Amino acid sequence: MNVGDRFLLFVLSLVGLVLGVLLALLGAGVMSVTWAASQLTVQPWNDVCLVVGVVCALLSIRFLFYRSRRRGSGVPAESVLLAGDHGQIRISYATLRQLANRRGSQLKGAESFDSRVRQGREGILIACKMQVLPDIDIAALTREAQTAVKEYVERTAGVQVERVIVHVTELSPSGHAGKAWNGA
């Protein structure tokens, strides 16, 4: 949707919102107009005016905050488009997120692992949050997480990963009982 279409949708939504609210107020009897008072305030018409006004107002509010889900290339924003031998292949961001979470949670020293996926310029960007066990070399673990997640997603899904960003949120409250310790 281009800028002109968005502007027209915005103007139409504002007009619809104003007219919908006025019609609802007229149907509810809050507002009175002399030319419409005799016809629209009698029992069946005031209910119709109220319902139509509320529906118009709600639809206008919906379209005021409407955002196009498609980007310039026509690919949905929630998936990656790949060329296959027999046509196009779409892999959802949720699938890529699950792959990243699967590999990240297997890392020794990572107590919890969660990621988000979004489109970058030359591939996808994966932002990871992880909670680590105490007494772990955090710098080495984060480098390992970046490499492991990037390689696993690229190898498994065939998608170019531009960058993996790792954010360590906190130390695990579970102490030494975790994947990094062997009973010590």
C-alpha atoms as a PDB file:
ATOM      1  CA  MET A   1       0.000   0.000   0.000  1.00  0.00           C
ATOM      2  CA  ASN A   2       1.562   3.280  -1.071  1.00  0.00           C
ATOM      3  CA  VAL A   3       1.506   6.614   0.760  1.00  0.00           C
ATOM      4  CA  GLY A   4      -1.469   7.995  -1.201  1.00  0.00           C
ATOM      5  CA  ASP A   5      -3.600   4.953  -0.398  1.00  0.00           C
ATOM      6  CA  ARG A   6      -2.657   5.165   3.270  1.00  0.00           C
ATOM      7  CA  PHE A   7      -3.596   8.849   3.372  1.00  0.00           C
ATOM      8  CA  LEU A   8      -6.973   8.180   1.728  1.00  0.00           C
ATOM      9  CA  LEU A   9      -7.646   5.312   4.132  1.00  0.00           C
ATOM     10  CA  PHE A  10      -6.763   7.600   7.053  1.00  0.00           C
ATOM     11  CA  VAL A  11      -9.096  10.391   5.853  1.00  0.00           C
ATOM     12  CA  LEU A  12     -11.920   7.942   5.127  1.00  0.00           C
ATOM     13  CA  SER A  13     -11.469   6.391   8.567  1.00  0.00           C
ATOM     14  CA  LEU A  14     -11.647   9.783  10.283  1.00  0.00           C
ATOM     15  CA  VAL A  15     -14.817  10.719   8.379  1.00  0.00           C
ATOM     16  CA  GLY A  16     -16.351   7.324   9.141  1.00  0.00           C
ATOM     17  CA  LEU A  17     -15.459   7.647  12.815  1.00  0.00           C
ATOM     18  CA  VAL A  18     -17.060  11.086  13.111  1.00  0.00           C
ATOM     19  CA  LEU A  19     -20.197  10.029  11.237  1.00  0.00           C
ATOM     20  CA  GLY A  20     -20.432   6.780  13.184  1.00  0.00           C
ATOM     21  CA  VAL A  21     -20.189   8.547  16.536  1.00  0.00           C
ATOM     22  CA  LEU A  22     -22.760  11.166  15.474  1.00  0.00           C
ATOM     23  CA  LEU A  23     -25.160   8.491  14.251  1.00  0.00           C
ATOM     24  CA  ALA A  24     -24.735   6.476  17.471  1.00  0.00           C
ATOM     25  CA  LEU A  25     -25.396   9.580  19.592  1.00  0.00           C
ATOM     26  CA  LEU A  26     -28.452  10.397  17.515  1.00  0.00           C
ATOM     27  CA  GLY A  27     -29.777   6.840  17.859  1.00  0.00           C
ATOM     28  CA  ALA A  28     -29.157   6.827  21.605  1.00  0.00           C
ATOM     29  CA  GLY A  29     -31.145  10.040  21.993  1.00  0.00           C
ATOM     30  CA  VAL A  30     -28.195  11.972  23.406  1.00  0.00           C
ATOM     31  CA  MET A  31     -28.195  14.313  20.456  1.00  0.00           C
ATOM     32  CA  SER A  32     -31.167  15.693  18.580  1.00  0.00           C
ATOM     33  CA  VAL A  33     -31.411  17.115  15.078  1.00  0.00           C
ATOM     34  CA  THR A  34     -34.667  18.843  14.168  1.00  0.00           C
ATOM     35  CA  TRP A  35     -35.022  17.300  10.691  1.00  0.00           C
ATOM     36  CA  ALA A  36     -34.225  13.808  11.959  1.00  0.00           C
ATOM     37  CA  ALA A  37     -35.905  13.968  15.345  1.00  0.00           C
ATOM     38  CA  SER A  38     -39.312  12.959  14.051  1.00  0.00           C
ATOM     39  CA  GLN A  39     -38.101   9.937  12.055  1.00  0.00           C
ATOM     40  CA  LEU A  40     -34.922   8.600  13.640  1.00  0.00           C
ATOM     41  CA  THR A  41     -35.869   8.819  17.299  1.00  0.00           C
ATOM     42  CA  VAL A  42     -38.895   6.530  17.087  1.00  0.00           C
ATOM     43  CA  GLN A  43     -38.399   3.024  18.425  1.00  0.00           C
ATOM     44  CA  PRO A  44     -37.197   0.880  15.490  1.00  0.00           C
ATOM     45  CA  TRP A  45     -35.077   3.587  13.876  1.00  0.00           C
ATOM     46  CA  ASN A  46     -33.193   4.722  16.959  1.00  0.00           C
ATOM     47  CA  ASP A  47     -31.954   1.168  17.583  1.00  0.00           C
ATOM     48  CA  VAL A  48     -30.871   0.846  13.957  1.00  0.00           C
ATOM     49  CA  CYS A  49     -29.056   4.201  14.111  1.00  0.00           C
ATOM     50  CA  LEU A  50     -27.306   3.187  17.310  1.00  0.00           C
ATOM     51  CA  VAL A  51     -26.104  -0.172  15.944  1.00  0.00           C
ATOM     52  CA  VAL A  52     -25.030   1.200  12.550  1.00  0.00           C
ATOM     53  CA  GLY A  53     -23.208   4.099  14.216  1.00  0.00           C
ATOM     54  CA  VAL A  54     -21.301   1.835  16.608  1.00  0.00           C
ATOM     55  CA  VAL A  55     -20.343  -0.569  13.803  1.00  0.00           C
ATOM     56  CA  CYS A  56     -19.143   2.315  11.591  1.00  0.00           C
ATOM     57  CA  ALA A  57     -17.137   3.787  14.457  1.00  0.00           C
ATOM     58  CA  LEU A  58     -15.495   0.443  15.294  1.00  0.00           C
ATOM     59  CA  LEU A  59     -14.609  -0.251  11.652  1.00  0.00           C
ATOM     60  CA  SER A  60     -13.177   3.241  11.319  1.00  0.00           C
ATOM     61  CA  ILE A  61     -11.035   2.760  14.414  1.00  0.00           C
ATOM     62  CA  ARG A  62      -9.798  -0.549  12.989  1.00  0.00           C
ATOM     63  CA  PHE A  63      -8.746   1.069   9.721  1.00  0.00           C
ATOM     64  CA  LEU A  64      -7.175   4.052  11.473  1.00  0.00           C
ATOM     65  CA  PHE A  65      -4.640   1.671  12.971  1.00  0.00           C
ATOM     66  CA  TYR A  66      -4.368  -0.604   9.934  1.00  0.00           C
ATOM     67  CA  ARG A  67      -0.867  -1.584   8.931  1.00  0.00           C
ATOM     68  CA  SER A  68       0.002  -3.474   5.827  1.00  0.00           C
ATOM     69  CA  ARG A  69       1.370  -6.931   6.600  1.00  0.00           C
ATOM     70  CA  ARG A  70       3.282  -7.202   3.365  1.00  0.00           C
ATOM     71  CA  ARG A  71       6.594  -5.660   2.503  1.00  0.00           C
ATOM     72  CA  GLY A  72       7.656  -4.333  -0.871  1.00  0.00           C
ATOM     73  CA  SER A  73       8.542  -7.736  -2.301  1.00  0.00           C
ATOM     74  CA  GLY A  74       5.160  -9.283  -1.569  1.00  0.00           C
ATOM     75  CA  VAL A  75       6.592 -11.724   0.993  1.00  0.00           C
ATOM     76  CA  PRO A  76       4.749 -11.875   4.316  1.00  0.00           C
ATOM     77  CA  ALA A  77       6.777 -10.284   7.098  1.00  0.00           C
ATOM     78  CA  GLU A  78       6.563 -13.464   9.185  1.00  0.00           C
ATOM     79  CA  SER A  79       8.426 -15.749   6.794  1.00  0.00           C
ATOM     80  CA  VAL A  80      11.514 -16.146   4.651  1.00  0.00           C
ATOM     81  CA  LEU A  81      11.105 -16.928   0.967  1.00  0.00           C
ATOM     82  CA  LEU A  82      13.464 -19.432  -0.666  1.00  0.00           C
ATOM     83  CA  ALA A  83      13.633 -20.647  -4.239  1.00  0.00           C
ATOM     84  CA  GLY A  84      13.048 -24.383  -4.582  1.00  0.00           C
ATOM     85  CA  ASP A  85      13.377 -26.729  -7.524  1.00  0.00           C
ATOM     86  CA  HIS A  86       9.611 -26.867  -8.033  1.00  0.00           C
ATOM     87  CA  GLY A  87       8.531 -23.467  -6.742  1.00  0.00           C
ATOM     88  CA  GLN A  88       8.808 -21.163  -3.779  1.00  0.00           C
ATOM     89  CA  ILE A  89       9.436 -22.302  -0.222  1.00  0.00           C
ATOM     90  CA  ARG A  90       8.403 -20.241   2.799  1.00  0.00           C
ATOM     91  CA  ILE A  91       9.848 -20.863   6.227  1.00  0.00           C
ATOM     92  CA  SER A  92       8.110 -19.030   9.037  1.00  0.00           C
ATOM     93  CA  TYR A  93       9.963 -16.990  11.616  1.00  0.00           C
ATOM     94  CA  ALA A  94       8.389 -19.212  14.275  1.00  0.00           C
ATOM     95  CA  THR A  95      10.135 -22.243  12.739  1.00  0.00           C
ATOM     96  CA  LEU A  96      13.470 -20.430  12.601  1.00  0.00           C
ATOM     97  CA  ARG A  97      12.968 -19.321  16.196  1.00  0.00           C
ATOM     98  CA  GLN A  98      12.318 -22.916  17.272  1.00  0.00           C
ATOM     99  CA  LEU A  99      15.487 -24.058  15.510  1.00  0.00           C
ATOM    100  CA  ALA A 100      17.552 -21.361  17.220  1.00  0.00           C
ATOM    101  CA  ASN A 101      16.007 -22.162  20.617  1.00  0.00           C
ATOM    102  CA  ARG A 102      16.629 -25.892  20.154  1.00  0.00           C
ATOM    103  CA  ARG A 103      20.318 -25.395  19.434  1.00  0.00           C
ATOM    104  CA  GLY A 104      20.816 -22.686  22.042  1.00  0.00           C
ATOM    105  CA  SER A 105      19.234 -24.704  24.835  1.00  0.00           C
ATOM    106  CA  GLN A 106      21.658 -27.568  24.121  1.00  0.00           C
ATOM    107  CA  LEU A 107      24.674 -25.436  25.026  1.00  0.00           C
ATOM    108  CA  LYS A 108      26.494 -26.452  28.163  1.00  0.00           C
ATOM    109  CA  GLY A 109      26.116 -23.649  30.690  1.00  0.00           C
ATOM    110  CA  ALA A 110      22.912 -22.151  29.268  1.00  0.00           C
ATOM    111  CA  GLU A 111      20.047 -22.551  31.701  1.00  0.00           C
ATOM    112  CA  SER A 112      17.351 -20.930  29.558  1.00  0.00           C
ATOM    113  CA  PHE A 113      17.448 -19.725  25.982  1.00  0.00           C
ATOM    114  CA  ASP A 114      14.925 -17.725  23.937  1.00  0.00           C
ATOM    115  CA  SER A 115      15.245 -15.976  20.603  1.00  0.00           C
ATOM    116  CA  ARG A 116      13.494 -13.651  18.180  1.00  0.00           C
ATOM    117  CA  VAL A 117      13.873 -13.575  14.412  1.00  0.00           C
ATOM    118  CA  ARG A 118      13.517 -10.630  12.051  1.00  0.00           C
ATOM    119  CA  GLN A 119      14.554  -9.738   8.537  1.00  0.00           C
ATOM    120  CA  GLY A 120      17.935  -8.098   7.960  1.00  0.00           C
ATOM    121  CA  ARG A 121      19.498  -6.650   4.818  1.00  0.00           C
ATOM    122  CA  GLU A 122      21.448  -9.728   3.773  1.00  0.00           C
ATOM    123  CA  GLY A 123      19.590 -12.446   5.674  1.00  0.00           C
ATOM    124  CA  ILE A 124      17.840 -12.876   8.970  1.00  0.00           C
ATOM    125  CA  LEU A 125      18.797 -11.448  12.335  1.00  0.00           C
ATOM    126  CA  ILE A 126      18.471 -13.631  15.414  1.00  0.00           C
ATOM    127  CA  ALA A 127      18.374 -11.951  18.817  1.00  0.00           C
ATOM    128  CA  CYS A 128      18.867 -14.374  21.696  1.00  0.00           C
ATOM    129  CA  LYS A 129      18.331 -14.013  25.431  1.00  0.00           C
ATOM    130  CA  MET A 130      19.957 -16.500  27.701  1.00  0.00           C
ATOM    131  CA  GLN A 131      20.252 -17.199  31.375  1.00  0.00           C
ATOM    132  CA  VAL A 132      23.581 -18.787  32.299  1.00  0.00           C
ATOM    133  CA  LEU A 133      24.817 -20.898  35.162  1.00  0.00           C
ATOM    134  CA  PRO A 134      27.171 -19.300  37.698  1.00  0.00           C
ATOM    135  CA  ASP A 135      30.944 -19.663  37.315  1.00  0.00           C
ATOM    136  CA  ILE A 136      30.768 -20.013  33.525  1.00  0.00           C
ATOM    137  CA  ASP A 137      32.986 -18.114  31.103  1.00  0.00           C
ATOM    138  CA  ILE A 138      30.217 -15.894  29.737  1.00  0.00           C
ATOM    139  CA  ALA A 139      32.280 -14.467  26.871  1.00  0.00           C
ATOM    140  CA  ALA A 140      33.191 -17.927  25.589  1.00  0.00           C
ATOM    141  CA  LEU A 141      29.632 -19.198  26.017  1.00  0.00           C
ATOM    142  CA  THR A 142      28.133 -16.286  24.080  1.00  0.00           C
ATOM    143  CA  ARG A 143      30.634 -16.713  21.237  1.00  0.00           C
ATOM    144  CA  GLU A 144      29.803 -20.417  21.157  1.00  0.00           C
ATOM    145  CA  ALA A 145      26.075 -19.600  21.148  1.00  0.00           C
ATOM    146  CA  GLN A 146      26.485 -17.201  18.221  1.00  0.00           C
ATOM    147  CA  THR A 147      28.429 -19.705  16.152  1.00  0.00           C
ATOM    148  CA  ALA A 148      26.288 -22.709  17.039  1.00  0.00           C
ATOM    149  CA  VAL A 149      22.945 -21.002  16.383  1.00  0.00           C
ATOM    150  CA  LYS A 150      24.132 -19.422  13.121  1.00  0.00           C
ATOM    151  CA  GLU A 151      25.553 -22.659  11.727  1.00  0.00           C
ATOM    152  CA  TYR A 152      22.587 -24.784  12.856  1.00  0.00           C
ATOM    153  CA  VAL A 153      19.933 -22.499  11.359  1.00  0.00           C
ATOM    154  CA  GLU A 154      21.854 -22.063   8.108  1.00  0.00           C
ATOM    155  CA  ARG A 155      22.512 -25.806   7.781  1.00  0.00           C
ATOM    156  CA  THR A 156      19.012 -26.940   8.785  1.00  0.00           C
ATOM    157  CA  ALA A 157      16.812 -24.327   7.086  1.00  0.00           C
ATOM    158  CA  GLY A 158      19.087 -23.172   4.271  1.00  0.00           C
ATOM    159  CA  VAL A 159      18.512 -19.550   5.283  1.00  0.00           C
ATOM    160  CA  GLN A 160      21.305 -16.959   5.316  1.00  0.00           C
ATOM    161  CA  VAL A 161      21.854 -15.690   8.881  1.00  0.00           C
ATOM    162  CA  GLU A 162      23.268 -12.184   8.820  1.00  0.00           C
ATOM    163  CA  ARG A 163      23.910 -11.803  12.523  1.00  0.00           C
ATOM    164  CA  VAL A 164      23.237 -13.469  15.880  1.00  0.00           C
ATOM    165  CA  ILE A 165      22.990 -11.118  18.853  1.00  0.00           C
ATOM    166  CA  VAL A 166      23.238 -12.685  22.299  1.00  0.00           C
ATOM    167  CA  HIS A 167      22.027 -10.955  25.444  1.00  0.00           C
ATOM    168  CA  VAL A 168      22.813 -12.565  28.790  1.00  0.00           C
ATOM    169  CA  THR A 169      19.984 -11.528  31.077  1.00  0.00           C
ATOM    170  CA  GLU A 170      21.048 -13.035  34.397  1.00  0.00           C
ATOM    171  CA  LEU A 171      22.686 -15.870  36.252  1.00  0.00           C
ATOM    172  CA  SER A 172      20.614 -18.919  36.960  1.00  0.00           C
ATOM    173  CA  PRO A 173      19.196 -19.005  40.487  1.00  0.00           C
ATOM    174  CA  SER A 174      19.590 -22.806  40.553  1.00  0.00           C
ATOM    175  CA  GLY A 175      23.232 -22.545  41.534  1.00  0.00           C
ATOM    176  CA  HIS A 176      25.574 -25.397  40.553  1.00  0.00           C
ATOM    177  CA  ALA A 177      22.881 -27.958  39.714  1.00  0.00           C
ATOM    178  CA  GLY A 178      22.739 -27.707  35.969  1.00  0.00           C
ATOM    179  CA  LYS A 179      24.223 -28.796  32.661  1.00  0.00           C
ATOM    180  CA  ALA A 180      27.659 -27.371  33.406  1.00  0.00           C
ATOM    181  CA  TRP A 181      28.395 -29.443  36.487  1.00  0.00           C
ATOM    182  CA  ASN A 182      28.962 -33.155  36.788  1.00  0.00           C
ATOM    183  CA  GLY A 183      28.118 -33.708  40.444  1.00  0.00           C
ATOM    184  CA  ALA A 184      30.888 -31.469  41.793  1.00  0.00           C
END
